[in-house]
C-alpha cells in the first residue's frame, strides 16, 4: 500500500509505502489505543462520580448489590428447604430407630436403665485449635452422611430383631420348663432296677413324684400328636415341637388336651395319676429327638437351685 503526501510547503510530493504487516500493526495499535482510552474514560468517570456522589451511580451500585444479595438469599433458601426435608426424614427414621432399638434391647435382655435410646450419650474432648465454620456444601454432605448412617443402622437392627425373634421362637419350642410345678425326681434317666421285674432295664425318662391331680404342664409349645390310653403308659400325651423333637407325658389320671391341639409352653395338658404300668402317683416324662430317647435333664438344665432337677442338671463352670 502506498500513500502520496502533497503539501505546498513541500518542494515535491512524497510517497509513503506500507507493507501489509505494517498496516496490520498500525490497525492493532489503533485498536489498543481506543480500548485503553475507553477504560481510562470509565475509570475517570466513576472516580469523579464517587467524589461527587452522583445519585444515579449510587442507585446503579445499589441495584447490582441487591441482585447479588437476592441470588445469595435464594440459594440459601433453596438449600434450607432441601435440608429441612432431609431433617424431617431423619427425625422420622430416628423415632423408628429408637422404637426398634428398645424392642431389640428387650429381646436381648438389656434393661432400660442400661441403655436409654431417648437420651443422647455424653461427649467431650479438648478445645480444637483449627476449628472453622462449615460451608453450605460441607453441611449438606454431613447431613447426607448421617442420613445414610441412620438408614443402614435401621436395616441392621431389623436383621438383629428378626434373629432375636427367631431365637425366642426356637427357645419356646425347646422343652426347658419342668413339667410339674412341685414334687421331686423319683427316678432318673438310664439303667435301673425295674420296679416290677427287679431286673436291670433302661429307663428312658424322668419320674416326677407328685400327688394325684397335680397339674402337668407342657415343657414347650407345640402340637399334640397323641392323647390316648396306652397299656404301659396309661393316659399319655405326646407333643410334637418340630425339627424331630417330641415330649411324652405318661401315667396321667386325666388328659386335658386332644390330638391336633396347639399348646403353649406352661399350659396344663393333664393331671398326675397312676394309670398303666405304675406303682404310684407320678409323671413319667420323656424327650425324643428323631425317635431316640434323650436325657430330659439336658433340656431342663436351666433350673433354679431349688428345682426338682437341680441335683440332676449338668453344672456349668
C-alpha atoms as a PDB file:
ATOM      1  CA  UNK A   1       0.000   0.000   0.000  1.00  0.00           C
ATOM      2  CA  UNK A   2       1.292   3.481  -0.930  1.00  0.00           C
ATOM      3  CA  UNK A   3       0.194   6.895   0.366  1.00  0.00           C
ATOM      4  CA  UNK A   4       1.153  10.072  -1.590  1.00  0.00           C
ATOM      5  CA  UNK A   5       1.559  13.193   0.579  1.00  0.00           C
ATOM      6  CA  UNK A   6       1.184  16.581  -1.210  1.00  0.00           C
ATOM      7  CA  UNK A   7       1.779  19.903   0.610  1.00  0.00           C
ATOM      8  CA  UNK A   8       2.658  23.414  -0.571  1.00  0.00           C
ATOM      9  CA  UNK A   9       5.444  23.511   1.962  1.00  0.00           C
ATOM     10  CA  UNK A  10       6.998  20.502   0.321  1.00  0.00           C
ATOM     11  CA  UNK A  11       9.106  21.011  -2.785  1.00  0.00           C
ATOM     12  CA  UNK A  12       7.700  17.815  -4.239  1.00  0.00           C
ATOM     13  CA  UNK A  13       5.204  15.084  -3.421  1.00  0.00           C
ATOM     14  CA  UNK A  14       6.302  12.359  -1.074  1.00  0.00           C
ATOM     15  CA  UNK A  15       5.302   8.726  -1.330  1.00  0.00           C
ATOM     16  CA  UNK A  16       4.884   6.543   1.793  1.00  0.00           C
ATOM     17  CA  UNK A  17       4.922   2.802   1.224  1.00  0.00           C
ATOM     18  CA  UNK A  18       3.274   0.435   3.824  1.00  0.00           C
ATOM     19  CA  UNK A  19       3.587  -3.302   3.720  1.00  0.00           C
ATOM     20  CA  UNK A  20       0.541  -5.420   4.769  1.00  0.00           C
ATOM     21  CA  UNK A  21       2.316  -6.306   8.037  1.00  0.00           C
ATOM     22  CA  UNK A  22       2.965  -2.667   8.884  1.00  0.00           C
ATOM     23  CA  UNK A  23      -0.666  -1.836   8.092  1.00  0.00           C
ATOM     24  CA  UNK A  24      -1.944  -4.631  10.368  1.00  0.00           C
ATOM     25  CA  UNK A  25       0.325  -3.414  13.188  1.00  0.00           C
ATOM     26  CA  UNK A  26      -0.964   0.098  12.768  1.00  0.00           C
ATOM     27  CA  UNK A  27      -4.589  -1.057  12.938  1.00  0.00           C
ATOM     28  CA  UNK A  28      -3.833  -3.145  16.044  1.00  0.00           C
ATOM     29  CA  UNK A  29      -2.121  -0.220  17.722  1.00  0.00           C
ATOM     30  CA  UNK A  30      -5.091   1.995  16.964  1.00  0.00           C
ATOM     31  CA  UNK A  31      -7.477  -0.588  18.467  1.00  0.00           C
ATOM     32  CA  UNK A  32      -5.373  -0.890  21.615  1.00  0.00           C
ATOM     33  CA  UNK A  33      -5.288   2.870  21.969  1.00  0.00           C
ATOM     34  CA  UNK A  34      -9.081   3.029  21.641  1.00  0.00           C
ATOM     35  CA  UNK A  35      -9.587   0.288  24.293  1.00  0.00           C
ATOM     36  CA  UNK A  36      -7.270   1.978  26.782  1.00  0.00           C
ATOM     37  CA  UNK A  37      -8.935   5.305  26.108  1.00  0.00           C
ATOM     38  CA  UNK A  38     -12.370   3.822  26.876  1.00  0.00           C
ATOM     39  CA  UNK A  39     -11.083   2.138  30.080  1.00  0.00           C
ATOM     40  CA  UNK A  40      -9.468   5.384  31.192  1.00  0.00           C
ATOM     41  CA  UNK A  41     -12.652   7.280  30.468  1.00  0.00           C
ATOM     42  CA  UNK A  42     -14.707   4.824  32.616  1.00  0.00           C
ATOM     43  CA  UNK A  43     -12.208   4.985  35.480  1.00  0.00           C
ATOM     44  CA  UNK A  44     -12.171   8.762  35.442  1.00  0.00           C
ATOM     45  CA  UNK A  45     -15.957   8.876  35.203  1.00  0.00           C
ATOM     46  CA  UNK A  46     -16.555   6.523  38.174  1.00  0.00           C
ATOM     47  CA  UNK A  47     -13.876   8.241  40.256  1.00  0.00           C
ATOM     48  CA  UNK A  48     -15.368  11.639  39.604  1.00  0.00           C
ATOM     49  CA  UNK A  49     -18.843  10.245  40.238  1.00  0.00           C
ATOM     50  CA  UNK A  50     -17.704   8.754  43.515  1.00  0.00           C
ATOM     51  CA  UNK A  51     -16.109  12.027  44.583  1.00  0.00           C
ATOM     52  CA  UNK A  52     -19.204  13.960  43.608  1.00  0.00           C
ATOM     53  CA  UNK A  53     -21.534  11.197  44.965  1.00  0.00           C
ATOM     54  CA  UNK A  54     -23.805  11.298  41.948  1.00  0.00           C
ATOM     55  CA  UNK A  55     -27.261   9.736  42.737  1.00  0.00           C
ATOM     56  CA  UNK A  56     -27.588   7.631  39.598  1.00  0.00           C
ATOM     57  CA  UNK A  57     -24.231   5.945  40.218  1.00  0.00           C
ATOM     58  CA  UNK A  58     -25.237   5.135  43.783  1.00  0.00           C
ATOM     59  CA  UNK A  59     -28.534   3.703  42.513  1.00  0.00           C
ATOM     60  CA  UNK A  60     -26.749   1.578  39.937  1.00  0.00           C
ATOM     61  CA  UNK A  61     -24.391   0.175  42.583  1.00  0.00           C
ATOM     62  CA  UNK A  62     -27.336  -0.499  44.917  1.00  0.00           C
ATOM     63  CA  UNK A  63     -29.184  -2.403  42.188  1.00  0.00           C
ATOM     64  CA  UNK A  64     -26.146  -4.535  41.454  1.00  0.00           C
ATOM     65  CA  UNK A  65     -25.635  -5.337  45.161  1.00  0.00           C
ATOM     66  CA  UNK A  66     -29.355  -6.012  45.650  1.00  0.00           C
ATOM     67  CA  UNK A  67     -29.401  -8.517  42.797  1.00  0.00           C
ATOM     68  CA  UNK A  68     -26.382 -10.274  44.251  1.00  0.00           C
ATOM     69  CA  UNK A  69     -27.957 -10.413  47.713  1.00  0.00           C
ATOM     70  CA  UNK A  70     -31.212 -11.757  46.293  1.00  0.00           C
ATOM     71  CA  UNK A  71     -29.357 -14.500  44.438  1.00  0.00           C
ATOM     72  CA  UNK A  72     -27.469 -15.445  47.613  1.00  0.00           C
ATOM     73  CA  UNK A  73     -30.665 -15.441  49.683  1.00  0.00           C
ATOM     74  CA  UNK A  74     -32.444 -17.620  47.119  1.00  0.00           C
ATOM     75  CA  UNK A  75     -29.531 -20.062  47.155  1.00  0.00           C
ATOM     76  CA  UNK A  76     -29.670 -20.241  50.955  1.00  0.00           C
ATOM     77  CA  UNK A  77     -33.479 -20.666  50.943  1.00  0.00           C
ATOM     78  CA  UNK A  78     -33.273 -23.498  48.414  1.00  0.00           C
ATOM     79  CA  UNK A  79     -30.613 -25.285  50.456  1.00  0.00           C
ATOM     80  CA  UNK A  80     -32.516 -24.776  53.703  1.00  0.00           C
ATOM     81  CA  UNK A  81     -35.659 -26.255  52.123  1.00  0.00           C
ATOM     82  CA  UNK A  82     -33.746 -29.316  50.957  1.00  0.00           C
ATOM     83  CA  UNK A  83     -32.085 -29.710  54.360  1.00  0.00           C
ATOM     84  CA  UNK A  84     -35.423 -29.257  56.166  1.00  0.00           C
ATOM     85  CA  UNK A  85     -36.920 -32.118  54.140  1.00  0.00           C
ATOM     86  CA  UNK A  86     -33.929 -34.319  54.890  1.00  0.00           C
ATOM     87  CA  UNK A  87     -34.121 -33.344  58.556  1.00  0.00           C
ATOM     88  CA  UNK A  88     -37.790 -34.364  58.682  1.00  0.00           C
ATOM     89  CA  UNK A  89     -36.955 -37.720  57.111  1.00  0.00           C
ATOM     90  CA  UNK A  90     -34.100 -38.231  59.581  1.00  0.00           C
ATOM     91  CA  UNK A  91     -36.342 -37.367  62.545  1.00  0.00           C
ATOM     92  CA  UNK A  92     -38.882 -39.954  61.405  1.00  0.00           C
ATOM     93  CA  UNK A  93     -36.096 -42.503  60.932  1.00  0.00           C
ATOM     94  CA  UNK A  94     -34.677 -41.728  64.380  1.00  0.00           C
ATOM     95  CA  UNK A  95     -38.090 -42.219  66.015  1.00  0.00           C
ATOM     96  CA  UNK A  96     -38.355 -45.590  64.260  1.00  0.00           C
ATOM     97  CA  UNK A  97     -34.775 -46.371  65.266  1.00  0.00           C
ATOM     98  CA  UNK A  98     -35.495 -45.533  68.922  1.00  0.00           C
ATOM     99  CA  UNK A  99     -38.557 -47.795  68.995  1.00  0.00           C
ATOM    100  CA  UNK A 100     -36.698 -50.556  67.158  1.00  0.00           C
ATOM    101  CA  UNK A 101     -33.725 -50.232  69.497  1.00  0.00           C
ATOM    102  CA  UNK A 102     -35.949 -50.538  72.554  1.00  0.00           C
ATOM    103  CA  UNK A 103     -37.595 -53.672  71.136  1.00  0.00           C
ATOM    104  CA  UNK A 104     -34.217 -55.218  70.314  1.00  0.00           C
ATOM    105  CA  UNK A 105     -32.906 -54.318  73.787  1.00  0.00           C
ATOM    106  CA  UNK A 106     -35.868 -56.067  75.401  1.00  0.00           C
ATOM    107  CA  UNK A 107     -35.413 -59.132  73.208  1.00  0.00           C
ATOM    108  CA  UNK A 108     -31.715 -59.196  74.114  1.00  0.00           C
ATOM    109  CA  UNK A 109     -32.484 -58.849  77.818  1.00  0.00           C
ATOM    110  CA  UNK A 110     -30.986 -55.350  78.158  1.00  0.00           C
ATOM    111  CA  UNK A 111     -32.793 -53.260  80.764  1.00  0.00           C
ATOM    112  CA  UNK A 112     -33.809 -49.654  80.030  1.00  0.00           C
ATOM    113  CA  UNK A 113     -31.527 -48.441  82.799  1.00  0.00           C
ATOM    114  CA  UNK A 114     -28.510 -49.908  80.977  1.00  0.00           C
ATOM    115  CA  UNK A 115     -29.105 -48.240  77.632  1.00  0.00           C
ATOM    116  CA  UNK A 116     -31.590 -45.407  77.136  1.00  0.00           C
ATOM    117  CA  UNK A 117     -32.365 -44.696  73.497  1.00  0.00           C
ATOM    118  CA  UNK A 118     -34.138 -41.436  74.373  1.00  0.00           C
ATOM    119  CA  UNK A 119     -31.089 -39.679  75.834  1.00  0.00           C
ATOM    120  CA  UNK A 120     -28.024 -38.584  73.915  1.00  0.00           C
ATOM    121  CA  UNK A 121     -24.736 -40.166  75.015  1.00  0.00           C
ATOM    122  CA  UNK A 122     -22.210 -37.895  76.714  1.00  0.00           C
ATOM    123  CA  UNK A 123     -19.483 -36.386  74.543  1.00  0.00           C
ATOM    124  CA  UNK A 124     -16.450 -34.197  75.151  1.00  0.00           C
ATOM    125  CA  UNK A 125     -12.808 -33.520  74.371  1.00  0.00           C
ATOM    126  CA  UNK A 126     -10.191 -30.781  74.256  1.00  0.00           C
ATOM    127  CA  UNK A 127     -10.967 -27.469  72.594  1.00  0.00           C
ATOM    128  CA  UNK A 128      -9.946 -27.663  68.918  1.00  0.00           C
ATOM    129  CA  UNK A 129      -7.364 -25.168  67.693  1.00  0.00           C
ATOM    130  CA  UNK A 130      -8.135 -25.476  63.982  1.00  0.00           C
ATOM    131  CA  UNK A 131     -11.948 -25.216  64.129  1.00  0.00           C
ATOM    132  CA  UNK A 132     -13.766 -23.444  61.316  1.00  0.00           C
ATOM    133  CA  UNK A 133     -17.400 -22.994  60.295  1.00  0.00           C
ATOM    134  CA  UNK A 134     -18.886 -25.422  57.781  1.00  0.00           C
ATOM    135  CA  UNK A 135     -19.702 -24.290  54.291  1.00  0.00           C
ATOM    136  CA  UNK A 136     -23.158 -24.984  52.873  1.00  0.00           C
ATOM    137  CA  UNK A 137     -21.711 -27.744  50.681  1.00  0.00           C
ATOM    138  CA  UNK A 138     -19.950 -29.386  53.626  1.00  0.00           C
ATOM    139  CA  UNK A 139     -23.100 -29.137  55.742  1.00  0.00           C
ATOM    140  CA  UNK A 140     -25.134 -30.862  53.013  1.00  0.00           C
ATOM    141  CA  UNK A 141     -22.510 -33.609  52.792  1.00  0.00           C
ATOM    142  CA  UNK A 142     -22.621 -34.147  56.575  1.00  0.00           C
ATOM    143  CA  UNK A 143     -26.429 -34.334  56.559  1.00  0.00           C
ATOM    144  CA  UNK A 144     -26.387 -36.892  53.727  1.00  0.00           C
ATOM    145  CA  UNK A 145     -23.729 -38.969  55.509  1.00  0.00           C
ATOM    146  CA  UNK A 146     -25.738 -39.019  58.740  1.00  0.00           C
ATOM    147  CA  UNK A 147     -28.954 -39.892  56.865  1.00  0.00           C
ATOM    148  CA  UNK A 148     -27.271 -42.859  55.176  1.00  0.00           C
ATOM    149  CA  UNK A 149     -25.850 -43.967  58.520  1.00  0.00           C
ATOM    150  CA  UNK A 150     -29.290 -43.884  60.135  1.00  0.00           C
ATOM    151  CA  UNK A 151     -30.801 -45.951  57.295  1.00  0.00           C
ATOM    152  CA  UNK A 152     -28.030 -48.578  57.439  1.00  0.00           C
ATOM    153  CA  UNK A 153     -28.326 -48.898  61.222  1.00  0.00           C
ATOM    154  CA  UNK A 154     -32.100 -49.284  60.970  1.00  0.00           C
ATOM    155  CA  UNK A 155     -31.616 -52.096  58.443  1.00  0.00           C
ATOM    156  CA  UNK A 156     -29.039 -53.734  60.737  1.00  0.00           C
ATOM    157  CA  UNK A 157     -31.370 -53.555  63.755  1.00  0.00           C
ATOM    158  CA  UNK A 158     -34.188 -55.034  61.646  1.00  0.00           C
ATOM    159  CA  UNK A 159     -31.994 -58.055  60.949  1.00  0.00           C
ATOM    160  CA  UNK A 160     -30.970 -58.331  64.619  1.00  0.00           C
ATOM    161  CA  UNK A 161     -34.620 -58.125  65.717  1.00  0.00           C
ATOM    162  CA  UNK A 162     -35.581 -60.874  63.265  1.00  0.00           C
ATOM    163  CA  UNK A 163     -32.795 -63.107  64.550  1.00  0.00           C
ATOM    164  CA  UNK A 164     -33.728 -62.492  68.183  1.00  0.00           C
ATOM    165  CA  UNK A 165     -37.385 -63.219  67.450  1.00  0.00           C
ATOM    166  CA  UNK A 166     -36.381 -66.436  65.696  1.00  0.00           C
ATOM    167  CA  UNK A 167     -34.235 -67.371  68.688  1.00  0.00           C
ATOM    168  CA  UNK A 168     -37.183 -66.723  71.006  1.00  0.00           C
ATOM    169  CA  UNK A 169     -39.423 -68.913  68.870  1.00  0.00           C
ATOM    170  CA  UNK A 170     -36.819 -71.689  68.859  1.00  0.00           C
ATOM    171  CA  UNK A 171     -36.423 -71.365  72.628  1.00  0.00           C
ATOM    172  CA  UNK A 172     -40.195 -71.546  73.080  1.00  0.00           C
ATOM    173  CA  UNK A 173     -40.154 -74.882  71.238  1.00  0.00           C
ATOM    174  CA  UNK A 174     -37.420 -76.392  73.443  1.00  0.00           C
ATOM    175  CA  UNK A 175     -38.611 -78.376  76.496  1.00  0.00           C
ATOM    176  CA  UNK A 176     -36.946 -76.238  79.150  1.00  0.00           C
ATOM    177  CA  UNK A 177     -39.829 -75.938  81.644  1.00  0.00           C
ATOM    178  CA  UNK A 178     -40.252 -78.503  84.412  1.00  0.00           C
ATOM    179  CA  UNK A 179     -43.500 -80.353  83.571  1.00  0.00           C
ATOM    180  CA  UNK A 180     -44.802 -80.313  87.175  1.00  0.00           C
ATOM    181  CA  UNK A 181     -44.937 -77.232  89.434  1.00  0.00           C
ATOM    182  CA  UNK A 182     -43.981 -79.257  92.548  1.00  0.00           C
ATOM    183  CA  UNK A 183     -42.681 -82.676  93.532  1.00  0.00           C
ATOM    184  CA  UNK A 184     -39.314 -84.422  93.273  1.00  0.00           C
ATOM    185  CA  UNK A 185     -37.451 -86.681  90.858  1.00  0.00           C
ATOM    186  CA  UNK A 186     -38.093 -90.252  91.964  1.00  0.00           C
ATOM    187  CA  UNK A 187     -36.173 -91.988  89.190  1.00  0.00           C
ATOM    188  CA  UNK A 188     -33.619 -90.698  86.719  1.00  0.00           C
ATOM    189  CA  UNK A 189     -32.713 -91.433  83.111  1.00  0.00           C
ATOM    190  CA  UNK A 190     -30.658 -94.540  82.339  1.00  0.00           C
ATOM    191  CA  UNK A 191     -30.284 -98.104  83.570  1.00  0.00           C
ATOM    192  CA  UNK A 192     -32.128 -99.033  86.772  1.00  0.00           C
ATOM    193  CA  UNK A 193     -33.805-101.935  88.544  1.00  0.00           C
ATOM    194  CA  UNK A 194     -37.273-102.389  87.094  1.00  0.00           C
ATOM    195  CA  UNK A 195     -39.828-101.957  89.944  1.00  0.00           C
ATOM    196  CA  UNK A 196     -41.920-104.867  88.634  1.00  0.00           C
ATOM    197  CA  UNK A 197     -39.363-107.427  87.428  1.00  0.00           C
ATOM    198  CA  UNK A 198     -36.400-106.480  89.637  1.00  0.00           C
ATOM    199  CA  UNK A 199     -34.078-106.739  86.635  1.00  0.00           C
ATOM    200  CA  UNK A 200     -31.771-104.093  85.145  1.00  0.00           C
ATOM    201  CA  UNK A 201     -33.586-102.212  82.415  1.00  0.00           C
ATOM    202  CA  UNK A 202     -33.317 -98.934  80.552  1.00  0.00           C
ATOM    203  CA  UNK A 203     -35.460 -96.114  81.938  1.00  0.00           C
ATOM    204  CA  UNK A 204     -35.995 -93.714  79.020  1.00  0.00           C
ATOM    205  CA  UNK A 205     -37.217 -90.718  81.002  1.00  0.00           C
ATOM    206  CA  UNK A 206     -37.596 -88.986  84.361  1.00  0.00           C
ATOM    207  CA  UNK A 207     -40.202 -89.860  87.002  1.00  0.00           C
ATOM    208  CA  UNK A 208     -41.571 -86.868  88.927  1.00  0.00           C
ATOM    209  CA  UNK A 209     -43.287 -87.991  92.124  1.00  0.00           C
ATOM    210  CA  UNK A 210     -46.288 -85.751  92.877  1.00  0.00           C
ATOM    211  CA  UNK A 211     -49.773 -86.114  94.410  1.00  0.00           C
ATOM    212  CA  UNK A 212     -52.617 -87.306  92.220  1.00  0.00           C
ATOM    213  CA  UNK A 213     -54.281 -84.399  90.468  1.00  0.00           C
ATOM    214  CA  UNK A 214     -51.152 -82.232  90.330  1.00  0.00           C
ATOM    215  CA  UNK A 215     -51.202 -80.230  87.047  1.00  0.00           C
ATOM    216  CA  UNK A 216     -48.937 -81.494  84.272  1.00  0.00           C
ATOM    217  CA  UNK A 217     -47.587 -78.596  82.185  1.00  0.00           C
ATOM    218  CA  UNK A 218     -46.259 -78.567  78.633  1.00  0.00           C
ATOM    219  CA  UNK A 219     -42.472 -78.239  78.804  1.00  0.00           C
ATOM    220  CA  UNK A 220     -42.566 -76.340  75.488  1.00  0.00           C
ATOM    221  CA  UNK A 221     -45.031 -75.165  72.872  1.00  0.00           C
ATOM    222  CA  UNK A 222     -46.102 -77.446  70.059  1.00  0.00           C
ATOM    223  CA  UNK A 223     -48.842 -79.621  68.603  1.00  0.00           C
ATOM    224  CA  UNK A 224     -50.380 -82.570  70.452  1.00  0.00           C
ATOM    225  CA  UNK A 225     -49.635 -85.576  68.242  1.00  0.00           C
ATOM    226  CA  UNK A 226     -51.221 -88.166  70.602  1.00  0.00           C
ATOM    227  CA  UNK A 227     -53.613 -88.034  73.553  1.00  0.00           C
ATOM    228  CA  UNK A 228     -54.699 -91.585  74.354  1.00  0.00           C
ATOM    229  CA  UNK A 229     -54.564 -94.572  76.703  1.00  0.00           C
ATOM    230  CA  UNK A 230     -51.578 -96.897  76.459  1.00  0.00           C
ATOM    231  CA  UNK A 231     -51.302-100.226  78.367  1.00  0.00           C
ATOM    232  CA  UNK A 232     -47.806 -99.359  79.628  1.00  0.00           C
ATOM    233  CA  UNK A 233     -48.037 -95.573  79.927  1.00  0.00           C
ATOM    234  CA  UNK A 234     -51.706 -95.334  80.895  1.00  0.00           C
ATOM    235  CA  UNK A 235     -53.220 -91.971  79.945  1.00  0.00           C
ATOM    236  CA  UNK A 236     -50.451 -90.334  77.936  1.00  0.00           C
ATOM    237  CA  UNK A 237     -49.935 -87.264  75.762  1.00  0.00           C
ATOM    238  CA  UNK A 238     -47.238 -86.641  73.163  1.00  0.00           C
ATOM    239  CA  UNK A 239     -46.352 -83.110  71.975  1.00  0.00           C
ATOM    240  CA  UNK A 240     -44.501 -82.511  68.719  1.00  0.00           C
ATOM    241  CA  UNK A 241     -42.233 -79.429  68.908  1.00  0.00           C
ATOM    242  CA  UNK A 242     -40.890 -79.622  65.356  1.00  0.00           C
ATOM    243  CA  UNK A 243     -37.438 -80.488  63.993  1.00  0.00           C
ATOM    244  CA  UNK A 244     -37.814 -84.104  65.198  1.00  0.00           C
ATOM    245  CA  UNK A 245     -38.289 -83.080  68.849  1.00  0.00           C
ATOM    246  CA  UNK A 246     -41.109 -84.644  70.925  1.00  0.00           C
ATOM    247  CA  UNK A 247     -42.031 -84.867  74.623  1.00  0.00           C
ATOM    248  CA  UNK A 248     -44.098 -87.622  76.263  1.00  0.00           C
ATOM    249  CA  UNK A 249     -46.177 -87.328  79.453  1.00  0.00           C
ATOM    250  CA  UNK A 250     -47.421 -90.642  80.924  1.00  0.00           C
ATOM    251  CA  UNK A 251     -49.460 -92.238  83.755  1.00  0.00           C
ATOM    252  CA  UNK A 252     -51.834 -89.240  83.942  1.00  0.00           C
ATOM    253  CA  UNK A 253     -55.127 -89.535  85.795  1.00  0.00           C
ATOM    254  CA  UNK A 254     -56.791 -87.232  83.260  1.00  0.00           C
ATOM    255  CA  UNK A 255     -55.909 -85.690  79.905  1.00  0.00           C
ATOM    256  CA  UNK A 256     -56.886 -82.059  79.241  1.00  0.00           C
ATOM    257  CA  UNK A 257     -55.891 -81.903  75.557  1.00  0.00           C
ATOM    258  CA  UNK A 258     -56.759 -83.709  72.343  1.00  0.00           C
ATOM    259  CA  UNK A 259     -54.694 -84.811  69.368  1.00  0.00           C
ATOM    260  CA  UNK A 260     -54.140 -81.956  66.890  1.00  0.00           C
ATOM    261  CA  UNK A 261     -54.468 -79.237  69.537  1.00  0.00           C
ATOM    262  CA  UNK A 262     -51.847 -76.466  69.668  1.00  0.00           C
ATOM    263  CA  UNK A 263     -50.439 -75.865  73.137  1.00  0.00           C
ATOM    264  CA  UNK A 264     -48.126 -73.209  74.514  1.00  0.00           C
ATOM    265  CA  UNK A 265     -45.240 -73.567  76.955  1.00  0.00           C
ATOM    266  CA  UNK A 266     -46.517 -73.933  80.520  1.00  0.00           C
ATOM    267  CA  UNK A 267     -50.091 -74.804  79.503  1.00  0.00           C
ATOM    268  CA  UNK A 268     -51.822 -77.509  81.575  1.00  0.00           C
ATOM    269  CA  UNK A 269     -52.240 -80.620  79.439  1.00  0.00           C
ATOM    270  CA  UNK A 270     -53.077 -83.329  82.039  1.00  0.00           C
ATOM    271  CA  UNK A 271     -53.090 -84.264  85.741  1.00  0.00           C
ATOM    272  CA  UNK A 272     -50.743 -86.562  87.630  1.00  0.00           C
ATOM    273  CA  UNK A 273     -52.049 -90.083  88.222  1.00  0.00           C
ATOM    274  CA  UNK A 274     -51.005 -93.746  88.410  1.00  0.00           C
ATOM    275  CA  UNK A 275     -52.539 -95.309  85.313  1.00  0.00           C
ATOM    276  CA  UNK A 276     -50.872 -98.012  83.234  1.00  0.00           C
ATOM    277  CA  UNK A 277     -47.752 -99.804  84.475  1.00  0.00           C
ATOM    278  CA  UNK A 278     -47.194 -97.732  87.596  1.00  0.00           C
ATOM    279  CA  UNK A 279     -46.579 -98.294  91.310  1.00  0.00           C
ATOM    280  CA  UNK A 280     -47.906 -94.911  92.463  1.00  0.00           C
ATOM    281  CA  UNK A 281     -48.821 -91.368  91.531  1.00  0.00           C
ATOM    282  CA  UNK A 282     -46.121 -89.791  89.410  1.00  0.00           C
ATOM    283  CA  UNK A 283     -45.402 -88.279  85.975  1.00  0.00           C
ATOM    284  CA  UNK A 284     -43.178 -90.214  83.591  1.00  0.00           C
ATOM    285  CA  UNK A 285     -41.578 -87.618  81.255  1.00  0.00           C
ATOM    286  CA  UNK A 286     -39.565 -88.418  78.125  1.00  0.00           C
ATOM    287  CA  UNK A 287     -37.792 -86.341  75.445  1.00  0.00           C
ATOM    288  CA  UNK A 288     -37.237 -87.827  71.984  1.00  0.00           C
ATOM    289  CA  UNK A 289     -35.055 -86.428  69.164  1.00  0.00           C
ATOM    290  CA  UNK A 290     -35.769 -88.093  65.829  1.00  0.00           C
ATOM    291  CA  UNK A 291     -37.333 -91.004  67.704  1.00  0.00           C
ATOM    292  CA  UNK A 292     -34.374 -91.627  70.037  1.00  0.00           C
ATOM    293  CA  UNK A 293     -34.889 -91.027  73.795  1.00  0.00           C
ATOM    294  CA  UNK A 294     -32.681 -88.327  75.337  1.00  0.00           C
ATOM    295  CA  UNK A 295     -31.922 -87.437  78.937  1.00  0.00           C
ATOM    296  CA  UNK A 296     -34.584 -84.797  79.782  1.00  0.00           C
ATOM    297  CA  UNK A 297     -32.219 -83.248  82.348  1.00  0.00           C
ATOM    298  CA  UNK A 298     -30.113 -81.919  79.459  1.00  0.00           C
ATOM    299  CA  UNK A 299     -33.078 -79.886  78.251  1.00  0.00           C
ATOM    300  CA  UNK A 300     -34.432 -78.989  81.671  1.00  0.00           C
ATOM    301  CA  UNK A 301     -30.992 -77.979  82.913  1.00  0.00           C
ATOM    302  CA  UNK A 302     -31.732 -74.263  83.183  1.00  0.00           C
ATOM    303  CA  UNK A 303     -33.480 -74.547  86.516  1.00  0.00           C
ATOM    304  CA  UNK A 304     -33.306 -72.711  89.810  1.00  0.00           C
ATOM    305  CA  UNK A 305     -31.286 -74.166  92.664  1.00  0.00           C
ATOM    306  CA  UNK A 306     -34.431 -75.361  94.455  1.00  0.00           C
ATOM    307  CA  UNK A 307     -35.801 -77.078  91.331  1.00  0.00           C
ATOM    308  CA  UNK A 308     -36.559 -80.828  91.418  1.00  0.00           C
ATOM    309  CA  UNK A 309     -33.876 -81.211  88.727  1.00  0.00           C
ATOM    310  CA  UNK A 310     -31.143 -79.224  90.494  1.00  0.00           C
ATOM    311  CA  UNK A 311     -29.203 -82.330  91.511  1.00  0.00           C
ATOM    312  CA  UNK A 312     -29.593 -83.907  88.040  1.00  0.00           C
ATOM    313  CA  UNK A 313     -28.755 -80.829  85.954  1.00  0.00           C
ATOM    314  CA  UNK A 314     -25.247 -80.567  84.479  1.00  0.00           C
ATOM    315  CA  UNK A 315     -23.198 -77.983  86.376  1.00  0.00           C
ATOM    316  CA  UNK A 316     -21.764 -75.043  84.431  1.00  0.00           C
ATOM    317  CA  UNK A 317     -18.268 -73.928  85.146  1.00  0.00           C
END
